[in-house]
Amino acid sequence: MAAIDVDELRDYMKDYCGSAMMSGFPAAVLDVVDVERASGEELCRMAEQMGVDLRRFVVNS
């Protein structure tokens, strides 16, 4: 299992959902709140459901 930079993923997801909200999808504000409150595991699940490629956020050891 790869380690994910959760802080970077969270920032990306907030931008992603915030952009949707500003583009005419006001319900996306609920996604922003969920992203802020999600644990790392929940955040990864949400990202995968939204089609985000988690490989972008793998931490190189």
Protein backbone atom coordinates (compact mmCIF):
# COMPACT_ATOMS: atom_id res chain seq x y z
CA MET A 1 0.00 0.00 0.00
CA ALA A 2 1.37 3.39 -0.99
CA ALA A 3 1.48 6.36 1.38
CA ILE A 4 -0.63 9.31 0.25
CA ASP A 5 0.07 12.96 1.02
CA VAL A 6 -3.32 13.58 2.63
CA ASP A 7 -2.76 17.31 3.11
CA GLU A 8 -2.02 17.80 -0.58
CA LEU A 9 -4.97 15.60 -1.54
CA ARG A 10 -7.28 17.54 0.80
CA ASP A 11 -6.18 20.85 -0.73
CA TYR A 12 -6.74 19.48 -4.23
CA MET A 13 -10.19 18.14 -3.32
CA LYS A 14 -11.25 21.45 -1.77
CA ASP A 15 -10.22 23.25 -4.96
CA TYR A 16 -11.95 20.60 -7.08
CA CYS A 17 -15.23 20.81 -5.17
CA GLY A 18 -15.01 24.58 -4.77
CA SER A 19 -14.63 24.99 -8.53
CA ALA A 20 -17.73 22.87 -9.07
CA MET A 21 -19.64 25.01 -6.60
CA MET A 22 -18.64 28.22 -8.36
CA SER A 23 -19.48 26.72 -11.77
CA GLY A 24 -23.16 26.41 -11.00
CA PHE A 25 -23.33 23.38 -8.73
CA PRO A 26 -24.10 24.88 -5.30
CA ALA A 27 -24.61 21.44 -3.74
CA ALA A 28 -20.83 20.96 -4.08
CA VAL A 29 -20.45 23.10 -0.94
CA LEU A 30 -21.52 19.99 0.98
CA ASP A 31 -18.63 18.12 -0.62
CA VAL A 32 -16.20 20.83 0.54
CA VAL A 33 -17.42 20.40 4.14
CA ASP A 34 -17.10 16.61 3.83
CA VAL A 35 -13.55 16.96 2.45
CA GLU A 36 -12.53 19.17 5.37
CA ARG A 37 -13.90 16.72 7.95
CA ALA A 38 -12.86 13.42 6.33
CA SER A 39 -10.17 11.16 7.72
CA GLY A 40 -7.33 10.27 5.36
CA GLU A 41 -8.95 6.97 4.43
CA GLU A 42 -12.36 8.57 3.84
CA LEU A 43 -10.73 11.28 1.75
CA CYS A 44 -9.04 8.69 -0.47
CA ARG A 45 -12.36 6.89 -0.94
CA MET A 46 -14.10 10.14 -1.86
CA ALA A 47 -11.34 11.05 -4.31
CA GLU A 48 -11.55 7.66 -6.02
CA GLN A 49 -15.34 7.99 -6.34
CA MET A 50 -14.83 11.38 -8.01
CA GLY A 51 -12.31 9.91 -10.45
CA VAL A 52 -9.19 11.49 -8.93
CA ASP A 53 -5.98 9.56 -9.68
CA LEU A 54 -4.42 9.00 -6.26
CA ARG A 55 -1.05 8.20 -7.86
CA ARG A 56 -0.56 11.97 -8.13
CA PHE A 57 -0.43 12.14 -4.33
CA VAL A 58 1.84 9.17 -3.53
CA VAL A 59 4.66 10.10 -1.17
CA ASN A 60 8.05 9.00 -2.45
CA SER A 61 10.10 7.39 0.28
